[in-house]
Amino acid sequence: MRSIMRVLEVNVNCGRGSTGRIVRDLAEGMHARGIECKAAYSSLPLPAGCESYAVRIGSDFDRYVHGAATRLFDAHGLWSRSATRRFLRFVRAYDPDVIHLHNIHGYYMNYPLLFEYLKSSRASVVWTLHDAWPVTGHCAYFDYARCDKWKTACSRCTQIGDYPKSFFCDASRRNHARKKQAFSGMDRLTLVTPSQWLAGVMAGSFLSEYDVRVIPNGIDLSAFSHTEDPDLRRKYGIPEDKRILLGVAGVWDRRKGLDDFLRLSALLPETCVLVLVGLTAGQVRALPDGVVGVERTESVAELAAFYSAATLFLNLTHEDNFPTTNIESLACGTPVLTYRTGGSPEAIDESCGLVVPVGDVQGVADRIRAVLEGMTMTRTACERRAALFDRGVMVENYIRLFEELTAGGQQA
């Protein structure tokens, strides 16, 4: 009998991006506990340190063809047949006790083939949902579009031009039906959502047949902590006499609230400056006066310094699951103001954060002024709240779930 549990993590990224960092943290946390783990991924580059356990799915060419099919036919998740078959041969040989799925979208996996295999596999399957793509006919989020067709049958999708982008073909009705057929009827599937909000979405979808556990995302609190960088303001031209109101995103668009930030910039007192991190070079050039733009940084230390230098972190996303940026800010001692959308408010409480209705830019400005006039949220309160979301807590919660699902079932 095999006495050591064997786990396979599956995600589009490994070690980078929010979901990729979660995969890396889980793999390294399990290795530290003596659990064997591999992480299957597709998107390059692979950060240093992941080579010993990472296994690539497909090639750049596979991803290119899959992306082209998505653009032309709205067929996301229906290509990469050869890459998926090769991956499944690896899975059979590796013979994991637990297959832990994350984002299976991202131009690399054929989900009908994947789930056909999973339905016949002896492995316990855990699927962590980082967005709502599994239950829609096209989109990853539907709040911005104010759409609830995913509850019954998608059609005439208004977000065809958004990720995963299709140029002109709308196959949302077919896609919704194919996902329902592929993902339903699993005997050994447990869903995990990082937020109570997404758990509620699953309860209203065709995946409601499955057990859903809520395990919040975690971050590395040794990396994200209050960090002083005396050169930060000079490096990015941030006036020394201005209080920083910070926004951070991996991709800045309407969904992440970029338009709202630009409207907000005209409503702020002169004592403040908006600093937006993660913009493209073109977005930086297009910013109005009074807004400081910073291109995406891969330096965790610099990102922690931005959070630490801010008076308030603003998350004006119109739709999200459980953004780790909120936790990162809290860990650096900076309170959070967020829209009441998705799971974004779940990371904070009244001791360390504020919540404003979605799209209420004037309300955001009013709350900022109130904070500046009488700050009551302390660094200690923020750090105490962040401690609930340490990555070690997240890893232990997953390990307990894996052990529960495999109790007495590990084989030679």
Protein backbone atom coordinates (compact mmCIF):
# COMPACT_ATOMS: atom_id res chain seq x y z
CA MET A 1 0.00 0.00 0.00
CA ARG A 2 1.16 3.54 -0.77
CA SER A 3 1.51 5.34 2.55
CA ILE A 4 2.34 8.80 1.14
CA MET A 5 -0.46 10.80 -0.45
CA ARG A 6 0.19 11.85 -4.05
CA VAL A 7 -1.39 15.08 -5.34
CA LEU A 8 -1.51 16.63 -8.79
CA GLU A 9 -2.19 20.38 -9.06
CA VAL A 10 -3.51 21.61 -12.43
CA ASN A 11 -3.62 25.27 -13.44
CA VAL A 12 -2.81 27.46 -16.43
CA ASN A 13 0.08 29.09 -14.50
CA CYS A 14 2.57 27.89 -11.92
CA GLY A 15 4.36 30.29 -9.59
CA ARG A 16 3.14 33.54 -11.15
CA GLY A 17 -0.11 35.42 -11.19
CA SER A 18 -2.54 35.04 -8.31
CA THR A 19 -3.65 31.47 -9.08
CA GLY A 20 -0.13 30.39 -10.05
CA ARG A 21 1.24 31.59 -6.72
CA ILE A 22 -1.47 29.62 -4.93
CA VAL A 23 -0.43 26.48 -6.83
CA ARG A 24 3.22 27.07 -5.93
CA ASP A 25 2.35 27.65 -2.27
CA LEU A 26 0.30 24.44 -2.15
CA ALA A 27 3.00 22.36 -3.86
CA GLU A 28 5.75 23.65 -1.59
CA GLY A 29 3.56 23.38 1.50
CA MET A 30 2.72 19.76 0.74
CA HIS A 31 6.35 18.90 0.08
CA ALA A 32 7.22 20.37 3.48
CA ARG A 33 4.65 18.01 5.00
CA GLY A 34 6.07 14.97 3.19
CA ILE A 35 3.26 14.80 0.63
CA GLU A 36 4.25 14.04 -2.96
CA CYS A 37 3.02 16.70 -5.37
CA LYS A 38 3.36 17.70 -9.02
CA ALA A 39 2.03 20.89 -10.58
CA ALA A 40 0.84 20.74 -14.18
CA TYR A 41 0.76 24.08 -15.97
CA SER A 42 0.82 25.56 -19.48
CA SER A 43 1.72 29.24 -19.59
CA LEU A 44 5.38 30.31 -19.60
CA PRO A 45 7.58 31.59 -18.08
CA LEU A 46 8.10 29.20 -15.19
CA PRO A 47 9.66 31.01 -12.21
CA ALA A 48 12.88 29.68 -10.73
CA GLY A 49 12.36 27.19 -7.93
CA CYS A 50 9.36 25.43 -9.49
CA GLU A 51 11.33 23.16 -11.83
CA SER A 52 11.49 20.18 -9.48
CA TYR A 53 7.73 19.64 -9.39
CA ALA A 54 6.31 21.46 -12.44
CA VAL A 55 5.12 19.57 -15.55
CA ARG A 56 4.15 21.51 -18.64
CA ILE A 57 0.95 20.79 -20.56
CA GLY A 58 1.23 21.34 -24.31
CA SER A 59 3.38 23.88 -26.11
CA ASP A 60 3.31 27.48 -27.28
CA PHE A 61 1.97 26.26 -30.62
CA ASP A 62 -0.89 24.39 -28.89
CA ARG A 63 -1.85 27.55 -27.02
CA TYR A 64 -1.68 29.63 -30.21
CA VAL A 65 -4.04 27.29 -32.08
CA HIS A 66 -6.42 27.13 -29.11
CA GLY A 67 -6.42 30.92 -28.89
CA ALA A 68 -7.16 31.22 -32.61
CA ALA A 69 -10.08 28.78 -32.33
CA THR A 70 -11.45 30.80 -29.43
CA ARG A 71 -11.25 34.03 -31.44
CA LEU A 72 -12.84 32.54 -34.53
CA PHE A 73 -15.39 30.06 -33.18
CA ASP A 74 -15.96 30.92 -29.49
CA ALA A 75 -14.64 27.41 -28.80
CA HIS A 76 -12.65 28.02 -25.64
CA GLY A 77 -11.83 24.79 -23.83
CA LEU A 78 -12.74 22.64 -26.84
CA TRP A 79 -9.35 22.48 -28.59
CA SER A 80 -5.92 21.29 -27.34
CA ARG A 81 -7.00 17.68 -27.93
CA SER A 82 -3.52 16.31 -28.55
CA ALA A 83 -2.02 18.28 -25.67
CA THR A 84 -4.76 17.06 -23.35
CA ARG A 85 -4.34 13.43 -24.41
CA ARG A 86 -0.58 13.65 -23.78
CA PHE A 87 -1.27 15.18 -20.38
CA LEU A 88 -3.74 12.43 -19.49
CA ARG A 89 -1.13 9.79 -20.33
CA PHE A 90 1.11 11.49 -17.77
CA VAL A 91 -1.73 11.48 -15.23
CA ARG A 92 -2.30 7.75 -15.66
CA ALA A 93 1.39 7.07 -15.11
CA TYR A 94 1.64 9.42 -12.12
CA ASP A 95 -1.51 7.90 -10.57
CA PRO A 96 -2.39 10.65 -8.06
CA ASP A 97 -4.69 10.14 -5.09
CA VAL A 98 -6.01 13.68 -5.51
CA ILE A 99 -6.32 15.70 -8.71
CA HIS A 100 -6.67 19.34 -7.73
CA LEU A 101 -7.96 21.50 -10.57
CA HIS A 102 -7.74 25.28 -10.61
CA ASN A 103 -8.29 27.32 -13.81
CA ILE A 104 -8.76 24.85 -16.65
CA HIS A 105 -9.46 27.75 -19.00
CA GLY A 106 -6.58 29.70 -20.50
CA TYR A 107 -6.11 28.17 -23.98
CA TYR A 108 -4.50 24.88 -22.95
CA MET A 109 -7.03 22.21 -21.93
CA ASN A 110 -9.82 20.30 -23.66
CA TYR A 111 -12.35 20.05 -20.86
CA PRO A 112 -14.61 17.31 -22.38
CA LEU A 113 -11.59 14.99 -22.67
CA LEU A 114 -10.37 15.94 -19.19
CA PHE A 115 -13.70 15.22 -17.51
CA GLU A 116 -14.28 12.06 -19.49
CA TYR A 117 -11.06 10.78 -17.91
CA LEU A 118 -11.89 12.11 -14.44
CA LYS A 119 -15.23 10.31 -14.41
CA SER A 120 -13.42 7.00 -14.81
CA SER A 121 -10.48 7.80 -12.53
CA ARG A 122 -10.10 6.40 -9.01
CA ALA A 123 -8.66 9.75 -7.84
CA SER A 124 -10.58 12.18 -5.68
CA VAL A 125 -11.07 15.41 -7.61
CA VAL A 126 -11.03 18.83 -5.98
CA TRP A 127 -11.84 21.82 -8.18
CA THR A 128 -11.00 25.27 -6.83
CA LEU A 129 -13.05 27.82 -8.75
CA HIS A 130 -11.30 31.16 -9.07
CA ASP A 131 -14.07 32.66 -11.21
CA ALA A 132 -17.45 31.74 -12.70
CA TRP A 133 -16.28 30.49 -16.12
CA PRO A 134 -17.21 26.84 -15.41
CA VAL A 135 -20.93 27.68 -15.19
CA THR A 136 -21.29 30.23 -18.01
CA GLY A 137 -21.43 29.94 -21.77
CA HIS A 138 -18.55 32.35 -22.26
CA CYS A 139 -17.52 34.82 -19.57
CA ALA A 140 -15.50 34.52 -16.38
CA TYR A 141 -17.68 37.09 -14.57
CA PHE A 142 -21.22 38.32 -15.20
CA ASP A 143 -21.77 41.06 -12.61
CA TYR A 144 -20.57 43.91 -14.82
CA ALA A 145 -22.98 42.82 -17.56
CA ARG A 146 -25.79 42.31 -15.01
CA CYS A 147 -26.53 38.96 -16.62
CA ASP A 148 -28.09 35.89 -15.01
CA LYS A 149 -28.62 33.71 -18.08
CA TRP A 150 -26.03 31.27 -16.67
CA LYS A 151 -28.71 30.11 -14.21
CA THR A 152 -30.73 28.54 -17.04
CA ALA A 153 -29.16 28.70 -20.52
CA CYS A 154 -26.74 31.28 -21.91
CA SER A 155 -27.48 32.95 -25.25
CA ARG A 156 -26.84 36.22 -27.07
CA CYS A 157 -23.82 36.94 -24.89
CA THR A 158 -23.04 40.64 -24.46
CA GLN A 159 -19.45 39.89 -23.40
CA ILE A 160 -18.22 37.99 -26.45
CA GLY A 161 -15.50 40.63 -26.87
CA ASP A 162 -14.19 40.02 -23.36
CA TYR A 163 -12.00 37.14 -22.15
CA PRO A 164 -11.99 34.55 -23.60
CA LYS A 165 -12.46 36.88 -26.57
CA SER A 166 -14.32 35.86 -29.70
CA PHE A 167 -14.24 38.21 -32.69
CA PHE A 168 -17.76 37.60 -33.95
CA CYS A 169 -19.07 34.09 -33.21
CA ASP A 170 -21.42 33.64 -30.24
CA ALA A 171 -21.55 29.98 -29.20
CA SER A 172 -22.60 30.72 -25.62
CA ARG A 173 -25.73 28.54 -25.75
CA ARG A 174 -23.78 25.54 -27.05
CA ASN A 175 -20.91 26.17 -24.64
CA HIS A 176 -23.22 26.33 -21.62
CA ALA A 177 -24.87 23.04 -22.61
CA ARG A 178 -21.52 21.33 -23.23
CA LYS A 179 -20.13 22.42 -19.88
CA LYS A 180 -23.23 21.18 -18.10
CA GLN A 181 -22.90 17.82 -19.81
CA ALA A 182 -19.15 17.53 -19.18
CA PHE A 183 -19.07 18.72 -15.56
CA SER A 184 -22.18 16.97 -14.26
CA GLY A 185 -22.40 13.42 -12.93
CA MET A 186 -19.04 13.18 -11.13
CA ASP A 187 -18.96 10.69 -8.25
CA ARG A 188 -15.79 12.00 -6.58
CA LEU A 189 -15.81 15.78 -7.10
CA THR A 190 -15.61 18.41 -4.36
CA LEU A 191 -15.77 22.10 -5.24
CA VAL A 192 -13.81 24.75 -3.37
CA THR A 193 -14.46 28.48 -3.59
CA PRO A 194 -12.30 31.17 -1.99
CA SER A 195 -15.39 33.26 -1.17
CA GLN A 196 -18.86 32.79 0.21
CA TRP A 197 -20.10 34.81 -2.75
CA LEU A 198 -18.87 32.29 -5.33
CA ALA A 199 -20.20 29.43 -3.20
CA GLY A 200 -23.60 31.08 -3.55
CA VAL A 201 -23.16 31.29 -7.31
CA MET A 202 -22.44 27.57 -7.45
CA ALA A 203 -25.58 26.86 -5.44
CA GLY A 204 -27.61 28.58 -8.15
CA SER A 205 -25.88 26.82 -11.06
CA PHE A 206 -25.86 23.36 -12.64
CA LEU A 207 -22.94 22.51 -10.30
CA SER A 208 -25.26 22.65 -7.28
CA GLU A 209 -25.18 18.84 -7.09
CA TYR A 210 -21.68 18.96 -5.57
CA ASP A 211 -20.39 19.60 -2.08
CA VAL A 212 -18.85 23.09 -1.86
CA ARG A 213 -16.20 24.06 0.69
CA VAL A 214 -15.01 27.64 1.24
CA ILE A 215 -11.24 27.97 1.66
CA PRO A 216 -10.06 31.60 1.40
CA ASN A 217 -6.92 32.33 -0.56
CA GLY A 218 -3.77 32.91 1.46
CA ILE A 219 -0.63 34.97 0.95
CA ASP A 220 2.95 34.87 2.17
CA LEU A 221 2.90 37.13 5.23
CA SER A 222 6.69 37.04 5.42
CA ALA A 223 6.82 38.71 2.00
CA PHE A 224 3.90 41.08 2.49
CA SER A 225 4.52 43.11 5.61
CA HIS A 226 5.08 46.77 6.41
CA THR A 227 8.07 47.78 4.27
CA GLU A 228 9.79 51.18 4.22
CA ASP A 229 11.45 52.27 0.96
CA PRO A 230 12.82 55.82 1.20
CA ASP A 231 13.48 55.93 -2.56
CA LEU A 232 10.02 54.83 -3.70
CA ARG A 233 8.51 58.31 -4.07
CA ARG A 234 11.55 59.73 -5.85
CA LYS A 235 11.75 56.75 -8.22
CA TYR A 236 8.17 57.17 -9.41
CA GLY A 237 7.75 60.93 -9.06
CA ILE A 238 5.30 60.77 -6.17
CA PRO A 239 5.26 64.12 -4.30
CA GLU A 240 6.57 63.87 -0.75
CA ASP A 241 3.75 66.03 0.63
CA LYS A 242 0.89 63.95 -0.86
CA ARG A 243 -0.97 61.12 0.82
CA ILE A 244 -1.06 58.05 -1.42
CA LEU A 245 -4.33 56.41 -2.43
CA LEU A 246 -3.31 53.16 -4.07
CA GLY A 247 -4.82 50.86 -6.69
CA VAL A 248 -3.20 47.60 -7.81
CA ALA A 249 -4.29 45.20 -10.56
CA GLY A 250 -2.71 42.63 -12.84
CA VAL A 251 -4.84 43.87 -15.75
CA TRP A 252 -6.47 47.29 -15.68
CA ASP A 253 -9.77 47.60 -17.54
CA ARG A 254 -13.35 48.69 -16.93
CA ARG A 255 -14.01 45.58 -14.85
CA LYS A 256 -11.16 46.49 -12.52
CA GLY A 257 -12.55 50.02 -12.20
CA LEU A 258 -10.02 52.00 -14.22
CA ASP A 259 -12.68 54.41 -15.48
CA ASP A 260 -13.90 54.91 -11.89
CA PHE A 261 -10.37 55.71 -10.71
CA LEU A 262 -10.03 58.35 -13.42
CA ARG A 263 -13.35 59.92 -12.41
CA LEU A 264 -12.28 59.78 -8.77
CA SER A 265 -9.06 61.68 -9.49
CA ALA A 266 -11.09 64.85 -10.12
CA LEU A 267 -12.92 64.57 -6.77
CA LEU A 268 -9.97 64.16 -4.41
CA PRO A 269 -8.51 66.80 -2.10
CA GLU A 270 -5.22 68.36 -3.15
CA THR A 271 -3.47 66.61 -0.29
CA CYS A 272 -3.86 63.23 -2.06
CA VAL A 273 -2.41 61.53 -5.11
CA LEU A 274 -3.74 58.45 -6.86
CA VAL A 275 -1.10 55.81 -7.62
CA LEU A 276 -2.10 52.94 -9.93
CA VAL A 277 0.23 49.93 -10.17
CA GLY A 278 0.05 47.34 -12.96
CA LEU A 279 -0.78 49.56 -15.94
CA THR A 280 0.51 49.08 -19.47
CA ALA A 281 2.92 51.64 -20.90
CA GLY A 282 0.11 53.04 -23.07
CA GLN A 283 -2.22 53.39 -20.09
CA VAL A 284 0.48 55.22 -18.13
CA ARG A 285 0.93 57.74 -20.96
CA ALA A 286 -2.83 58.36 -21.14
CA LEU A 287 -3.31 59.19 -17.45
CA PRO A 288 -4.53 62.65 -16.50
CA ASP A 289 -2.46 65.01 -14.36
CA GLY A 290 -2.54 64.11 -10.70
CA VAL A 291 -2.50 60.34 -11.27
CA VAL A 292 0.79 58.45 -11.04
CA GLY A 293 0.97 55.32 -13.16
CA VAL A 294 3.34 52.42 -12.57
CA GLU A 295 3.80 49.51 -14.95
CA ARG A 296 3.45 45.98 -13.62
CA THR A 297 6.15 44.97 -11.18
CA GLU A 298 7.22 41.42 -10.40
CA SER A 299 9.05 42.64 -7.28
CA VAL A 300 7.09 41.61 -4.21
CA ALA A 301 9.30 43.86 -2.06
CA GLU A 302 8.46 46.90 -4.18
CA LEU A 303 4.77 46.03 -4.19
CA ALA A 304 4.84 45.72 -0.40
CA ALA A 305 6.51 49.14 -0.23
CA PHE A 306 3.68 50.65 -2.30
CA TYR A 307 1.05 49.14 0.00
CA SER A 308 2.96 50.33 3.07
CA ALA A 309 3.35 53.89 1.78
CA ALA A 310 -0.37 54.26 1.07
CA THR A 311 -2.87 55.82 3.43
CA LEU A 312 -5.67 53.74 1.89
CA PHE A 313 -5.87 50.92 -0.64
CA LEU A 314 -8.76 51.29 -3.09
CA ASN A 315 -10.29 48.26 -4.79
CA LEU A 316 -12.89 49.60 -7.22
CA THR A 317 -13.37 46.33 -9.08
CA HIS A 318 -16.85 45.80 -10.50
CA GLU A 319 -16.61 42.01 -10.27
CA ASP A 320 -14.19 39.68 -8.53
CA ASN A 321 -14.01 36.49 -6.50
CA PHE A 322 -11.67 36.97 -3.53
CA PRO A 323 -8.93 39.43 -4.56
CA THR A 324 -5.62 38.80 -2.83
CA THR A 325 -4.67 42.46 -3.26
CA ASN A 326 -6.97 43.28 -0.33
CA ILE A 327 -5.10 40.82 1.89
CA GLU A 328 -1.71 42.06 0.68
CA SER A 329 -2.64 45.61 1.65
CA LEU A 330 -3.86 44.56 5.09
CA ALA A 331 -0.67 42.58 5.67
CA CYS A 332 1.32 45.75 5.00
CA GLY A 333 -0.76 47.64 7.55
CA THR A 334 -2.94 49.63 5.13
CA PRO A 335 -6.76 49.64 5.36
CA VAL A 336 -8.92 48.79 2.35
CA LEU A 337 -11.86 50.56 0.72
CA THR A 338 -13.68 48.25 -1.68
CA TYR A 339 -16.84 48.13 -3.71
CA ARG A 340 -19.52 45.76 -2.48
CA THR A 341 -19.00 43.24 -5.25
CA GLY A 342 -18.35 39.52 -5.38
CA GLY A 343 -16.20 38.31 -2.50
CA SER A 344 -14.10 41.48 -2.26
CA PRO A 345 -15.63 42.70 1.04
CA GLU A 346 -15.07 39.30 2.71
CA ALA A 347 -11.40 39.99 3.50
CA ILE A 348 -12.14 43.00 5.71
CA ASP A 349 -14.17 43.98 8.75
CA GLU A 350 -15.02 47.39 10.25
CA SER A 351 -11.66 47.58 12.03
CA CYS A 352 -9.67 47.64 8.81
CA GLY A 353 -11.89 48.47 5.87
CA LEU A 354 -14.78 50.27 4.27
CA VAL A 355 -17.38 49.12 1.74
CA VAL A 356 -19.11 51.33 -0.85
CA PRO A 357 -21.82 50.40 -3.39
CA VAL A 358 -20.50 49.46 -6.83
CA GLY A 359 -19.96 52.47 -9.07
CA ASP A 360 -20.55 55.08 -6.36
CA VAL A 361 -17.47 57.18 -7.13
CA GLN A 362 -18.77 60.16 -5.18
CA GLY A 363 -19.35 57.87 -2.21
CA VAL A 364 -15.74 56.69 -2.49
CA ALA A 365 -14.53 60.29 -2.46
CA ASP A 366 -16.70 61.08 0.57
CA ARG A 367 -15.39 58.09 2.52
CA ILE A 368 -11.82 59.01 1.66
CA ARG A 369 -12.34 62.51 3.06
CA ALA A 370 -13.84 61.05 6.23
CA VAL A 371 -10.84 58.75 6.65
CA LEU A 372 -8.38 61.62 6.15
CA GLU A 373 -10.19 63.76 8.70
CA GLY A 374 -10.35 61.11 11.40
CA MET A 375 -8.38 57.93 10.74
CA THR A 376 -9.50 55.22 13.19
CA MET A 377 -8.25 52.12 11.38
CA THR A 378 -4.81 51.15 12.66
CA ARG A 379 -1.92 49.19 11.23
CA THR A 380 -2.27 46.69 14.07
CA ALA A 381 -5.93 46.03 13.22
CA CYS A 382 -5.05 45.52 9.55
CA GLU A 383 -2.22 43.11 10.32
CA ARG A 384 -4.39 41.17 12.77
CA ARG A 385 -7.04 40.69 10.10
CA ALA A 386 -4.43 39.66 7.50
CA ALA A 387 -3.18 36.91 9.81
CA LEU A 388 -6.43 35.03 9.12
CA PHE A 389 -5.31 34.64 5.51
CA ASP A 390 -1.76 33.41 5.94
CA ARG A 391 -0.82 30.95 3.20
CA GLY A 392 0.06 28.37 5.86
CA VAL A 393 -3.57 28.40 7.00
CA MET A 394 -4.73 27.93 3.40
CA VAL A 395 -2.31 25.03 2.82
CA GLU A 396 -3.40 23.27 6.03
CA ASN A 397 -7.06 23.64 5.09
CA TYR A 398 -6.43 22.00 1.73
CA ILE A 399 -4.34 19.21 3.21
CA ARG A 400 -7.11 18.42 5.71
CA LEU A 401 -9.61 18.29 2.85
CA PHE A 402 -7.35 15.98 0.81
CA GLU A 403 -6.84 13.69 3.81
CA GLU A 404 -10.57 13.59 4.44
CA LEU A 405 -11.30 12.62 0.84
CA THR A 406 -8.59 9.94 0.67
CA ALA A 407 -8.94 8.46 4.14
CA GLY A 408 -8.43 4.71 3.78
CA GLY A 409 -8.25 4.95 0.01
CA GLN A 410 -4.55 5.28 -0.82
CA GLN A 411 -3.31 2.43 -2.95
CA ALA A 412 -0.10 0.82 -4.06
